[in-house]
Protein backbone atom coordinates (compact mmCIF):
# COMPACT_ATOMS: atom_id res chain seq x y z
CA UNK A 1 54.23 59.94 -16.47
CA UNK A 2 53.37 56.39 -15.45
CA UNK A 3 52.19 55.15 -12.06
CA UNK A 4 54.93 53.63 -9.91
CA UNK A 5 55.14 51.69 -6.64
CA UNK A 6 56.44 54.26 -4.17
CA UNK A 7 56.90 51.76 -1.33
CA UNK A 8 59.61 50.03 -3.38
CA UNK A 9 61.69 53.22 -3.76
CA UNK A 10 64.42 54.05 -1.25
CA UNK A 11 63.31 56.71 1.22
CA UNK A 12 59.60 55.95 0.88
CA UNK A 13 57.52 53.70 3.12
CA UNK A 14 54.27 51.84 2.71
CA UNK A 15 52.32 54.64 4.41
CA UNK A 16 53.35 57.06 1.62
CA UNK A 17 51.94 54.75 -1.05
CA UNK A 18 48.81 54.18 1.05
CA UNK A 19 48.21 57.93 1.22
CA UNK A 20 48.50 58.28 -2.58
CA UNK A 21 46.05 55.38 -2.97
CA UNK A 22 43.68 57.05 -0.49
CA UNK A 23 43.59 60.20 -2.63
CA UNK A 24 42.79 58.11 -5.69
CA UNK A 25 39.86 56.43 -3.91
CA UNK A 26 38.70 59.84 -2.70
CA UNK A 27 38.74 61.24 -6.23
CA UNK A 28 36.82 58.27 -7.63
CA UNK A 29 39.06 57.99 -10.69
CA UNK A 30 42.71 57.22 -11.55
CA UNK A 31 45.02 59.83 -10.09
CA UNK A 32 47.34 61.81 -12.33
CA UNK A 33 50.90 60.60 -11.78
CA UNK A 34 52.01 64.16 -10.95
CA UNK A 35 49.49 64.30 -8.10
CA UNK A 36 50.24 60.76 -6.91
CA UNK A 37 53.94 61.61 -6.70
CA UNK A 38 53.21 64.86 -4.86
CA UNK A 39 51.00 63.02 -2.36
CA UNK A 40 53.65 60.39 -1.64
CA UNK A 41 56.31 63.09 -1.27
CA UNK A 42 54.32 65.19 1.21
CA UNK A 43 53.58 62.07 3.28
CA UNK A 44 57.31 61.29 3.30
CA UNK A 45 58.14 64.90 4.21
CA UNK A 46 55.96 64.82 7.34
CA UNK A 47 57.48 61.49 8.39
CA UNK A 48 60.91 63.12 8.12
CA UNK A 49 59.89 66.03 10.34
CA UNK A 50 59.00 68.65 7.73
CA UNK A 51 55.78 70.66 7.94
CA UNK A 52 55.44 70.68 4.15
CA UNK A 53 57.11 69.55 0.94
CA UNK A 54 58.89 72.14 -1.17
CA UNK A 55 58.24 70.76 -4.63
CA UNK A 56 61.08 72.81 -6.12
CA UNK A 57 63.55 70.51 -4.34
CA UNK A 58 62.16 67.50 -6.22
CA UNK A 59 61.22 68.98 -9.60
CA UNK A 60 63.02 67.26 -12.47
CA UNK A 61 64.46 64.50 -10.28
CA UNK A 62 64.22 60.79 -10.98
CA UNK A 63 62.57 58.47 -8.48
CA UNK A 64 63.20 54.73 -8.56
CA UNK A 65 64.94 52.73 -11.24
CA UNK A 66 64.25 50.23 -13.99
CA UNK A 67 60.57 49.67 -14.71
CA UNK A 68 59.66 51.30 -11.40
CA UNK A 69 61.15 54.64 -12.42
CA UNK A 70 59.56 58.06 -12.52
CA UNK A 71 61.03 61.34 -13.74
CA UNK A 72 59.29 64.21 -11.98
CA UNK A 73 58.21 67.20 -14.11
CA UNK A 74 59.71 70.66 -13.97
CA UNK A 75 58.33 72.91 -11.26
CA UNK A 76 56.13 75.14 -13.42
CA UNK A 77 54.52 72.20 -15.20
CA UNK A 78 54.05 70.32 -11.96
CA UNK A 79 52.35 73.26 -10.24
CA UNK A 80 50.13 73.79 -13.27
CA UNK A 81 48.90 70.19 -13.05
CA UNK A 82 48.20 70.43 -9.31
CA UNK A 83 46.24 73.67 -9.84
CA UNK A 84 43.91 72.22 -12.46
CA UNK A 85 40.22 72.75 -11.62
CA UNK A 86 39.52 69.02 -11.49
CA UNK A 87 42.04 68.61 -8.65
CA UNK A 88 40.63 71.39 -6.46
CA UNK A 89 38.66 68.93 -4.27
CA UNK A 90 41.97 67.24 -3.43
CA UNK A 91 44.40 70.16 -3.30
CA UNK A 92 42.71 73.52 -2.81
CA UNK A 93 39.26 73.46 -1.25
CA UNK A 94 38.86 74.00 2.53
CA UNK A 95 38.02 70.32 3.05
CA UNK A 96 40.76 69.03 0.71
CA UNK A 97 43.34 66.67 2.26
CA UNK A 98 46.17 68.63 0.60
CA UNK A 99 46.94 72.33 0.28
CA UNK A 100 49.28 73.94 -2.24
CA UNK A 101 50.22 77.45 -1.17
CA UNK A 102 51.27 80.40 -3.31
CA UNK A 103 54.98 79.63 -2.79
CA UNK A 104 54.70 76.09 -4.18
CA UNK A 105 54.77 74.38 -0.79
CA UNK A 106 52.53 71.34 -0.55
CA UNK A 107 50.98 70.51 2.83
CA UNK A 108 48.82 67.94 4.47
CA UNK A 109 45.77 70.06 5.27
CA UNK A 110 46.05 69.88 9.08
CA UNK A 111 49.67 71.11 8.97
CA UNK A 112 48.79 73.99 6.66
CA UNK A 113 45.87 75.03 8.86
CA UNK A 114 47.99 74.72 11.99
CA UNK A 115 50.88 76.74 10.54
CA UNK A 116 48.54 79.55 9.48
CA UNK A 117 46.81 79.48 12.85
CA UNK A 118 50.12 79.72 14.75
CA UNK A 119 51.25 82.68 12.64
CA UNK A 120 47.89 84.38 13.08
CA UNK A 121 47.75 83.88 16.86
CA UNK A 122 51.30 85.16 17.33
CA UNK A 123 50.61 88.24 15.20
CA UNK A 124 47.43 88.95 17.16
CA UNK A 125 49.35 88.74 20.42
CA UNK A 126 52.07 91.03 19.10
CA UNK A 127 49.38 93.51 18.06
CA UNK A 128 48.16 93.70 21.67
CA UNK A 129 50.21 96.65 22.83
CA UNK A 130 52.12 96.17 26.08
CA UNK A 131 53.62 99.46 27.27
CA UNK A 132 57.32 99.10 28.14
CA UNK A 133 57.67 98.72 31.90
CA UNK A 134 58.57 101.90 33.75
CA UNK A 135 60.47 100.32 36.62
CA UNK A 136 61.88 102.24 39.60
CA UNK A 137 65.42 103.46 39.02
CA UNK A 138 67.90 100.62 39.47
CA UNK A 139 65.16 97.99 39.78
CA UNK A 140 66.84 95.58 37.37
CA UNK A 141 70.36 96.01 38.72
CA UNK A 142 69.12 95.64 42.29
CA UNK A 143 67.23 92.43 41.60
CA UNK A 144 70.19 90.03 41.50
CA UNK A 145 73.87 90.22 42.52
CA UNK A 146 74.84 89.25 38.96
CA UNK A 147 72.76 92.08 37.51
CA UNK A 148 74.40 94.53 39.92
CA UNK A 149 77.87 93.30 38.95
CA UNK A 150 77.03 93.72 35.26
CA UNK A 151 75.69 97.26 35.69
CA UNK A 152 79.06 98.95 35.09
CA UNK A 153 79.82 97.05 31.88
CA UNK A 154 80.01 99.00 28.66
CA UNK A 155 78.23 96.28 26.70
CA UNK A 156 74.62 95.20 27.10
CA UNK A 157 73.84 92.40 29.54
CA UNK A 158 71.56 90.18 27.47
CA UNK A 159 69.93 88.62 30.52
CA UNK A 160 68.54 92.00 31.58
CA UNK A 161 67.60 92.74 27.98
CA UNK A 162 65.71 89.43 27.84
CA UNK A 163 63.77 90.36 31.00
CA UNK A 164 62.79 93.66 29.41
CA UNK A 165 61.89 91.97 26.12
CA UNK A 166 59.45 89.63 27.86
CA UNK A 167 57.95 92.47 29.93
CA UNK A 168 57.39 94.57 26.80
CA UNK A 169 55.47 92.02 24.71
CA UNK A 170 52.41 89.79 24.86
CA UNK A 171 54.45 87.15 23.01
CA UNK A 172 58.20 86.75 23.43
CA UNK A 173 61.02 84.25 22.97
CA UNK A 174 64.19 83.83 25.00
CA UNK A 175 66.71 81.57 23.25
CA UNK A 176 70.04 80.43 24.62
CA UNK A 177 72.18 77.37 25.16
CA UNK A 178 72.63 75.56 28.48
CA UNK A 179 74.23 77.76 31.11
CA UNK A 180 73.34 81.07 29.48
CA UNK A 181 70.86 81.98 32.21
CA UNK A 182 67.39 81.34 30.79
CA UNK A 183 65.95 80.32 34.16
CA UNK A 184 67.68 83.29 35.83
CA UNK A 185 65.83 85.49 33.36
CA UNK A 186 62.54 83.72 34.13
CA UNK A 187 63.04 84.14 37.88
CA UNK A 188 63.79 87.86 37.45
CA UNK A 189 60.90 88.33 35.02
CA UNK A 190 58.35 86.63 37.25
CA UNK A 191 59.60 88.44 40.36
CA UNK A 192 59.15 91.82 38.70
CA UNK A 193 55.75 90.88 37.28
CA UNK A 194 54.49 89.62 40.65
CA UNK A 195 55.75 92.74 42.38
CA UNK A 196 53.81 94.85 39.88
CA UNK A 197 50.71 92.65 40.02
CA UNK A 198 50.50 90.25 43.00
CA UNK A 199 47.30 88.72 41.60
CA UNK A 200 48.90 87.71 38.28
CA UNK A 201 48.00 84.10 37.44
CA UNK A 202 51.16 82.37 36.18
CA UNK A 203 51.75 78.82 34.91
CA UNK A 204 55.00 77.06 33.98
CA UNK A 205 55.16 74.20 31.49
CA UNK A 206 57.54 72.07 29.42
CA UNK A 207 57.16 69.29 26.83
CA UNK A 208 58.30 66.45 29.13
CA UNK A 209 58.10 65.61 32.80
CA UNK A 210 61.89 65.78 33.14
CA UNK A 211 62.05 69.22 31.51
CA UNK A 212 59.17 70.45 33.66
CA UNK A 213 60.87 69.22 36.84
CA UNK A 214 64.17 70.86 35.86
CA UNK A 215 62.41 74.17 35.18
CA UNK A 216 60.71 74.08 38.58
CA UNK A 217 63.94 73.03 40.34
CA UNK A 218 66.02 75.71 38.60
CA UNK A 219 63.48 78.38 39.44
CA UNK A 220 63.34 77.26 43.08
CA UNK A 221 67.14 77.26 43.39
CA UNK A 222 67.33 80.81 42.03
CA UNK A 223 64.65 82.36 44.23
CA UNK A 224 66.99 82.78 47.20
CA UNK A 225 69.27 85.10 45.22
CA UNK A 226 66.45 87.50 44.34
CA UNK A 227 66.22 90.81 46.17
CA UNK A 228 62.44 90.73 46.55
CA UNK A 229 59.97 90.42 49.41
CA UNK A 230 59.30 87.11 51.12
CA UNK A 231 55.76 87.30 49.78
CA UNK A 232 57.01 87.35 46.18
CA UNK A 233 59.50 84.56 46.92
CA UNK A 234 56.70 82.47 48.37
CA UNK A 235 54.58 83.04 45.26
CA UNK A 236 57.48 82.04 43.02
CA UNK A 237 58.01 78.81 44.93
CA UNK A 238 54.32 77.93 44.71
CA UNK A 239 53.82 78.53 40.98
CA UNK A 240 52.18 75.52 39.29
CA UNK A 241 54.28 73.65 36.74
CA UNK A 242 53.25 70.81 34.46
CA UNK A 243 53.89 69.12 31.16
CA UNK A 244 52.14 70.59 28.14
CA UNK A 245 49.96 67.47 28.03
CA UNK A 246 48.79 68.08 31.60
CA UNK A 247 48.43 71.83 31.05
CA UNK A 248 46.17 71.35 28.04
CA UNK A 249 44.38 68.29 29.43
CA UNK A 250 45.20 66.08 26.45
CA UNK A 251 43.47 62.71 26.62
CA UNK A 252 44.76 59.42 25.11
CA UNK A 253 42.97 60.20 21.83
CA UNK A 254 44.70 63.57 21.52
CA UNK A 255 41.69 65.70 22.43
CA UNK A 256 42.32 68.79 24.58
CA UNK A 257 40.22 69.80 27.57
CA UNK A 258 41.43 73.37 27.01
CA UNK A 259 40.98 74.96 23.59
CA UNK A 260 39.35 78.06 22.05
CA UNK A 261 35.99 77.22 23.65
CA UNK A 262 37.50 76.44 27.05
CA UNK A 263 40.69 78.49 27.35
CA UNK A 264 43.24 78.26 30.13
CA UNK A 265 42.72 80.67 33.06
CA UNK A 266 46.28 82.00 33.20
CA UNK A 267 47.47 85.59 32.61
CA UNK A 268 51.05 84.53 31.82
CA UNK A 269 52.34 81.16 30.61
CA UNK A 270 56.06 80.30 30.43
CA UNK A 271 57.07 77.23 28.39
CA UNK A 272 60.61 75.83 28.55
CA UNK A 273 62.50 73.57 26.10
CA UNK A 274 60.45 74.81 23.15
CA UNK A 275 62.82 73.35 20.56
CA UNK A 276 61.13 70.05 21.48
CA UNK A 277 57.61 71.35 20.80
CA UNK A 278 56.26 70.20 17.40
CA UNK A 279 54.02 72.25 15.15
CA UNK A 280 50.72 70.60 16.12
CA UNK A 281 51.41 70.90 19.86
CA UNK A 282 52.31 74.59 19.51
CA UNK A 283 49.04 75.08 17.66
CA UNK A 284 47.12 73.44 20.50
CA UNK A 285 48.88 75.63 23.07
CA UNK A 286 48.08 78.87 21.25
CA UNK A 287 44.48 77.75 20.71
CA UNK A 288 44.09 77.30 24.48
CA UNK A 289 45.31 80.77 25.51
CA UNK A 290 42.94 83.68 26.08
CA UNK A 291 43.68 86.69 23.82
CA UNK A 292 44.99 88.68 26.79
CA UNK A 293 47.22 85.85 28.10
CA UNK A 294 50.91 86.55 27.59
CA UNK A 295 53.22 83.76 26.40
CA UNK A 296 56.98 83.44 26.93
CA UNK A 297 58.82 80.66 25.07
CA UNK A 298 62.23 79.47 26.30
CA UNK A 299 64.63 77.19 24.48
CA UNK A 300 67.76 76.75 22.42
CA UNK A 301 67.13 77.43 18.74
CA UNK A 302 70.32 75.53 17.80
CA UNK A 303 69.28 72.26 19.47
CA UNK A 304 67.65 69.31 17.78
CA UNK A 305 64.21 70.05 16.43
CA UNK A 306 61.17 68.15 17.70
CA UNK A 307 60.78 64.46 16.93
CA UNK A 308 57.43 65.17 15.26
CA UNK A 309 56.97 67.55 12.34
CA UNK A 310 58.04 71.16 12.65
CA UNK A 311 60.91 73.33 13.85
CA UNK A 312 58.79 76.01 15.47
CA UNK A 313 61.34 77.68 17.76
CA UNK A 314 63.98 77.87 15.03
CA UNK A 315 61.44 79.20 12.52
CA UNK A 316 60.24 81.90 14.90
CA UNK A 317 63.78 83.06 15.67
CA UNK A 318 64.61 83.12 11.95
CA UNK A 319 61.69 85.51 11.41
CA UNK A 320 63.04 88.17 13.78
CA UNK A 321 65.91 90.50 14.50
CA UNK A 322 67.44 89.22 17.73
CA UNK A 323 68.21 91.36 20.78
CA UNK A 324 66.40 94.44 19.53
CA UNK A 325 63.49 96.32 21.09
CA UNK A 326 60.65 98.45 19.80
CA UNK A 327 61.76 102.12 19.82
CA UNK A 328 59.66 102.98 22.91
CA UNK A 329 60.94 99.92 24.79
CA UNK A 330 64.54 100.59 23.72
CA UNK A 331 64.32 104.11 25.16
CA UNK A 332 62.77 102.84 28.42
CA UNK A 333 65.52 100.20 28.68
CA UNK A 334 68.17 102.91 28.17
CA UNK A 335 66.68 104.97 30.97
CA UNK A 336 66.64 101.95 33.28
CA UNK A 337 70.13 100.57 32.52
CA UNK A 338 72.07 103.17 30.55
CA UNK A 339 72.57 100.69 27.69
CA UNK A 340 71.50 101.43 24.13
CA UNK A 341 70.10 98.59 22.05
CA UNK A 342 69.04 98.39 18.44
CA UNK A 343 65.54 99.50 17.54
CA UNK A 344 63.67 96.59 15.99
CA UNK A 345 63.16 96.43 12.24
CA UNK A 346 59.74 96.18 10.61
CA UNK A 347 59.32 92.41 10.92
CA UNK A 348 56.52 91.66 13.42
CA UNK A 349 58.60 89.41 15.69
CA UNK A 350 61.56 91.78 15.85
CA UNK A 351 61.64 93.33 19.30
CA UNK A 352 60.16 90.18 20.84
CA UNK A 353 63.10 87.74 20.61
CA UNK A 354 66.15 87.80 22.89
CA UNK A 355 69.18 85.54 22.52
CA UNK A 356 71.47 84.80 25.47
CA UNK A 357 75.05 84.18 24.34
CA UNK A 358 77.25 84.47 27.45
CA UNK A 359 77.80 81.08 29.07
CA UNK A 360 78.00 80.94 32.87
CA UNK A 361 78.14 77.15 33.24
CA UNK A 362 81.35 76.17 31.49
CA UNK A 363 83.77 78.39 33.42
CA UNK A 364 85.77 75.30 34.43
CA UNK A 365 84.61 72.94 31.64
CA UNK A 366 86.30 75.13 29.06
CA UNK A 367 86.43 72.56 26.26
CA UNK A 368 82.70 71.79 26.52
CA UNK A 369 81.99 75.51 26.22
CA UNK A 370 84.50 76.00 23.41
CA UNK A 371 83.32 73.05 21.32
CA UNK A 372 79.60 73.68 21.82
CA UNK A 373 80.08 77.28 20.67
CA UNK A 374 82.25 76.18 17.73
CA UNK A 375 79.70 73.58 16.60
CA UNK A 376 76.88 76.14 16.76
CA UNK A 377 78.78 78.82 14.82
CA UNK A 378 80.52 76.46 12.37
CA UNK A 379 81.03 77.40 8.74
CA UNK A 380 80.70 74.33 6.47
CA UNK A 381 84.23 74.62 5.11
CA UNK A 382 85.68 74.48 8.64
CA UNK A 383 84.05 71.15 9.57
CA UNK A 384 87.13 68.91 8.96
CA UNK A 385 89.35 71.17 11.06
CA UNK A 386 86.91 71.27 13.98
CA UNK A 387 86.35 67.50 13.76
CA UNK A 388 90.10 66.98 14.03
CA UNK A 389 90.30 69.14 17.14
CA UNK A 390 87.39 67.28 18.75
CA UNK A 391 88.76 63.84 17.77
CA UNK A 392 92.18 64.58 19.28
CA UNK A 393 90.92 66.23 22.47
CA UNK A 394 92.19 64.64 25.69
CA UNK A 395 91.26 67.10 28.44
CA UNK A 396 89.77 66.65 31.92
CA UNK A 397 86.38 67.94 30.73
CA UNK A 398 86.38 66.56 27.17
CA UNK A 399 87.82 63.25 25.95
CA UNK A 400 87.38 61.58 22.57
CA UNK A 401 88.29 57.95 21.90
CA UNK A 402 87.87 55.91 18.72
CA UNK A 403 86.53 52.77 20.41
CA UNK A 404 85.82 49.83 18.05
CA UNK A 405 82.38 48.29 18.39
CA UNK A 406 83.81 44.99 19.63
CA UNK A 407 85.47 46.70 22.60
CA UNK A 408 82.47 48.69 23.85
CA UNK A 409 81.30 46.19 26.47
CA UNK A 410 84.79 45.84 27.99
CA UNK A 411 85.20 49.62 28.13
CA UNK A 412 81.78 50.00 29.76
CA UNK A 413 82.86 47.49 32.42
CA UNK A 414 85.79 49.75 33.28
CA UNK A 415 83.48 52.75 33.39
CA UNK A 416 81.12 51.18 35.94
CA UNK A 417 83.79 51.30 38.63
CA UNK A 418 84.42 55.04 38.33
CA UNK A 419 82.67 57.13 41.03
CA UNK A 420 80.09 59.49 39.53
CA UNK A 421 78.32 60.66 42.69
CA UNK A 422 80.57 61.21 45.69
CA UNK A 423 81.88 57.73 46.60
CA UNK A 424 79.23 55.90 44.58
CA UNK A 425 79.57 54.39 41.09
CA UNK A 426 77.06 52.87 38.66
CA UNK A 427 77.95 49.50 40.22
CA UNK A 428 76.33 50.73 43.44
CA UNK A 429 72.90 51.40 41.93
CA UNK A 430 71.69 47.87 42.55
CA UNK A 431 72.94 47.76 46.15
CA UNK A 432 71.39 51.13 46.97
CA UNK A 433 68.05 50.23 45.39
CA UNK A 434 67.92 46.80 47.07
CA UNK A 435 68.17 48.42 50.50
CA UNK A 436 64.86 50.24 50.06
CA UNK A 437 66.11 52.94 52.43
CA UNK A 438 65.14 56.51 51.59
CA UNK A 439 68.66 57.93 51.93
CA UNK A 440 70.10 55.25 49.67
CA UNK A 441 67.37 55.78 47.09
CA UNK A 442 68.22 59.49 47.04
CA UNK A 443 71.86 58.55 46.42
CA UNK A 444 70.74 56.25 43.60
CA UNK A 445 68.81 59.05 41.92
CA UNK A 446 71.89 61.22 42.37
CA UNK A 447 73.93 58.69 40.40
CA UNK A 448 71.32 58.58 37.64
CA UNK A 449 71.26 62.36 37.38
CA UNK A 450 75.06 62.60 37.42
CA UNK A 451 75.86 60.38 34.43
CA UNK A 452 74.14 59.22 31.26
CA UNK A 453 75.06 57.11 28.27
CA UNK A 454 73.80 58.64 25.02
CA UNK A 455 73.38 57.13 21.57
CA UNK A 456 72.43 58.57 18.22
CA UNK A 457 69.93 55.82 17.35
CA UNK A 458 67.82 53.20 19.08
CA UNK A 459 68.96 50.17 17.07
CA UNK A 460 72.30 48.91 15.81
CA UNK A 461 75.40 47.60 17.56
CA UNK A 462 76.16 51.08 18.93
CA UNK A 463 72.54 52.10 19.52
CA UNK A 464 70.85 52.57 22.87
CA UNK A 465 69.16 49.16 22.81
CA UNK A 466 72.56 47.44 22.57
CA UNK A 467 74.07 49.77 25.18
CA UNK A 468 71.22 49.12 27.60
CA UNK A 469 71.52 45.35 27.07
CA UNK A 470 75.26 45.55 27.77
CA UNK A 471 74.68 47.55 30.96
CA UNK A 472 72.00 45.13 32.19
CA UNK A 473 74.41 42.23 31.64
CA UNK A 474 77.38 43.93 33.27
CA UNK A 475 75.34 44.94 36.33
CA UNK A 476 73.93 41.44 36.76
CA UNK A 477 70.26 42.24 36.16
CA UNK A 478 68.10 39.32 35.03
CA UNK A 479 64.95 41.27 34.27
CA UNK A 480 63.60 44.72 33.59
CA UNK A 481 62.10 45.01 37.07
CA UNK A 482 65.20 44.14 39.11
CA UNK A 483 66.15 46.60 41.87
CA UNK A 484 68.48 49.26 40.52
CA UNK A 485 67.19 49.29 36.94
CA UNK A 486 66.29 52.82 35.76
CA UNK A 487 63.12 52.94 33.67
CA UNK A 488 62.02 55.38 30.97
CA UNK A 489 58.30 55.89 30.42
CA UNK A 490 57.61 55.88 26.66
CA UNK A 491 53.86 56.57 26.54
CA UNK A 492 51.70 59.26 28.11
CA UNK A 493 49.30 57.96 30.74
CA UNK A 494 46.99 60.57 32.34
CA UNK A 495 45.64 57.87 34.70
CA UNK A 496 48.96 57.58 36.55
CA UNK A 497 50.12 61.08 35.55
CA UNK A 498 53.24 59.49 34.08
CA UNK A 499 54.33 60.84 30.73
CA UNK A 500 56.71 60.05 27.90
CA UNK A 501 60.21 60.95 29.11
CA UNK A 502 59.66 60.43 32.86
CA UNK A 503 62.47 58.40 34.46
CA UNK A 504 62.01 56.18 37.51
CA UNK A 505 64.01 53.58 39.43
CA UNK A 506 63.08 50.04 40.47
CA UNK A 507 63.62 49.70 44.24
CA UNK A 508 62.97 47.02 46.84
CA UNK A 509 59.67 47.31 48.69
CA UNK A 510 60.65 47.36 52.39
CA UNK A 511 57.10 46.42 53.42
CA UNK A 512 56.97 43.27 51.27
CA UNK A 513 60.13 41.13 51.07
CA UNK A 514 60.89 40.11 47.49
CA UNK A 515 58.55 42.71 45.99
CA UNK A 516 59.59 45.85 44.14
CA UNK A 517 58.17 49.31 43.54
CA UNK A 518 59.07 51.95 40.97
CA UNK A 519 59.93 55.37 42.36
CA UNK A 520 59.99 58.66 40.47
CA UNK A 521 61.78 61.82 41.66
CA UNK A 522 59.66 64.40 43.49
CA UNK A 523 56.68 62.05 43.76
CA UNK A 524 55.31 60.72 47.01
CA UNK A 525 53.55 57.86 45.25
CA UNK A 526 55.38 54.77 44.05
CA UNK A 527 54.06 52.18 41.58
CA UNK A 528 54.10 48.44 41.16
CA UNK A 529 55.55 47.62 37.72
CA UNK A 530 52.17 46.46 36.38
CA UNK A 531 50.73 49.95 36.92
CA UNK A 532 53.26 51.62 34.63
CA UNK A 533 52.51 52.62 31.04
CA UNK A 534 54.91 51.35 28.37
CA UNK A 535 58.51 51.63 29.58
CA UNK A 536 62.04 50.33 29.07
CA UNK A 537 65.49 50.37 30.69
CA UNK A 538 67.34 53.66 30.41
CA UNK A 539 70.98 53.29 31.34
CA UNK A 540 71.38 54.69 27.84
CA UNK A 541 69.01 56.98 25.95
CA UNK A 542 68.91 58.63 22.55
CA UNK A 543 70.07 62.22 22.31
CA UNK A 544 66.51 63.13 21.33
CA UNK A 545 65.18 61.67 24.59
CA UNK A 546 67.88 63.48 26.59
CA UNK A 547 66.59 66.91 25.59
CA UNK A 548 65.33 68.75 28.62
CA UNK A 549 67.80 66.87 30.82
CA UNK A 550 71.26 67.71 32.07
CA UNK A 551 73.96 65.56 33.67
CA UNK A 552 77.31 66.18 35.30
CA UNK A 553 78.94 63.72 32.90
CA UNK A 554 77.90 62.30 29.53
CA UNK A 555 79.28 59.49 27.37
CA UNK A 556 78.08 59.75 23.76
CA UNK A 557 78.63 56.60 21.68
CA UNK A 558 78.57 57.63 18.02
CA UNK A 559 77.67 55.23 15.19
CA UNK A 560 80.54 53.56 13.37
CA UNK A 561 79.37 55.01 10.05
CA UNK A 562 77.84 58.34 8.97
CA UNK A 563 74.09 58.42 8.45
CA UNK A 564 71.23 60.86 7.88
CA UNK A 565 70.27 60.95 11.58
CA UNK A 566 73.79 61.95 12.66
CA UNK A 567 73.72 65.74 12.34
CA UNK A 568 75.46 68.82 13.65
CA UNK A 569 72.43 69.58 15.82
CA UNK A 570 72.55 66.06 17.30
CA UNK A 571 76.23 66.45 18.22
CA UNK A 572 75.63 69.92 19.69
CA UNK A 573 72.70 68.66 21.76
CA UNK A 574 74.70 65.68 23.07
CA UNK A 575 77.69 67.81 24.07
CA UNK A 576 75.53 70.41 25.82
CA UNK A 577 73.77 67.79 28.00
CA UNK A 578 76.94 67.70 30.14
CA UNK A 579 77.85 70.23 32.81
CA UNK A 580 81.33 69.02 33.76
CA UNK A 581 82.57 66.27 31.44
CA UNK A 582 81.94 64.85 27.96
CA UNK A 583 83.38 61.65 26.55
CA UNK A 584 82.84 60.78 22.88
CA UNK A 585 83.41 57.31 21.46
CA UNK A 586 83.69 57.70 17.72
CA UNK A 587 86.00 58.24 14.77
CA UNK A 588 87.13 61.52 13.27
CA UNK A 589 85.41 60.50 10.02
CA UNK A 590 82.04 60.14 11.74
CA UNK A 591 82.47 63.40 13.68
CA UNK A 592 83.31 65.20 10.41
CA UNK A 593 80.21 63.76 8.74
CA UNK A 594 78.02 64.89 11.64
CA UNK A 595 79.38 68.44 11.49
CA UNK A 596 78.76 68.60 7.74
CA UNK A 597 75.17 67.33 8.00
CA UNK A 598 72.78 70.09 9.05
CA UNK A 599 69.13 69.61 9.90
CA UNK A 600 67.01 71.80 7.63
CA UNK A 601 63.27 71.38 8.02
CA UNK A 602 60.90 72.54 5.30
CA UNK A 603 58.30 74.96 6.62
CA UNK A 604 56.44 78.11 5.69
CA UNK A 605 56.06 79.52 9.21
CA UNK A 606 58.98 81.96 9.14
CA UNK A 607 57.89 83.27 5.72
CA UNK A 608 54.31 83.80 6.91
CA UNK A 609 55.57 85.90 9.81
CA UNK A 610 58.14 87.81 7.75
CA UNK A 611 55.70 88.64 4.97
CA UNK A 612 52.75 89.66 7.15
């Protein structure tokens, strides 16, 4: 094998070649081509969101062309080279920058260590026995009107099963799509736990400020339906919630105030939107929990994986039997509800993962519910048929149009006049914000939370940058800090306590004519624009950025051509951001390509948990 220039090969970037060169300098001698190729590939894998590189997927393939061409060796020969004694300082020793595991997965060392640490911490929590709760007869059914109504059903109510799952484990997962009742489960779980132990120290968290605010709001809105004492309701309404960055005390350099040496003080931590949590962040969270602290993860395993490397929630769910309980917990659940559930199999996570499948949100938005379920459960051979149904849909809650790129601005102009919040339309944002009056600002935030433009990518003629520019032009804004412009924070800033994903609105400052402030929901403090961390306009946002948010109506502008970023998970996530109405602008060809393109992230986490 000869040395090649990886940066010149499609799919690789300069950083991949730089990493291979770094290993060569570290070794002090020319690097074997097999190792150089492996190094460049694992660097590329992490950039693409994988935790590791499965060498078997590349063995025997050709990279590059012409003189800059490399044919990779077969797997056995490749592994044999990487395991040579002279390469141990680079690939095997505890301080080596790479790690090759027994399954032929190659890791950057920090990702290997983190993956092993996550698996170990979860297994240790699962080993801490939590006796199944012996609740008073009818306690679950009497907690909520919905639970009472479900009590006579012959089939198991998965919301009540999820409550019992979380109460029966030191580590548990509750997965479900929007509208399946995850926050109802959390409210019921926390109410029962606080009734049993009023001194229980509980914290709520989420990856972004928007997701954290939605969790707190959803919990607060559900408290009134609970049949519990006013004392418990008061405790529920006063529970602290924060972003994971704030919870862990992460500084601008990535260091955590809370870790193994200085763990968090909580007895129970609940984290929402965990599909967004990357591998390294999950490792930091588990490092910061005391051994006796219980952890409940919420999320949708079928949503987009995190932007950074890892697919932790999906991996954890793949390692378990869903909606089963340990035999002792299954029997206690039967005594409480009359329902029989499967006894968990031998895998460690089985008995700790509940999946909510019944949707309570899309009772009127039937096509949103139907298509989101169909996308999630799709068999590959059925993709063209489903794409045709989506492309031809013209219903009150779901409309698809094949809008050419050249017509987008004109169509957006029509859209601006349609009311999205009572009598107000997007055209009214500027007028409401210019008034500076509190009531009008509340209406403006209502508009922002009612409707959102989504794009698959940042750049390109149909990307969010172009969509935002079109909206700024159509609404007559001449600068980023004009009244009525919504702003998205794109960098964490502990100084202002503004974090990546927070959304604010530029409003007139009533105390200083001609001046503006930036307001954020549920914050007493406003900011002058110069105080903000990095930010940009957010009439439109990527589907990735929309995770953790929900809107009454969504318009998703698809690319005009298929591409690697347009996946089934992206389409599912976009559709499920809407509560009442979805509009897609895209061709049947592009929709078909998205449905046929699944996100599969390379990882060893599920295997480590299954094989333990």
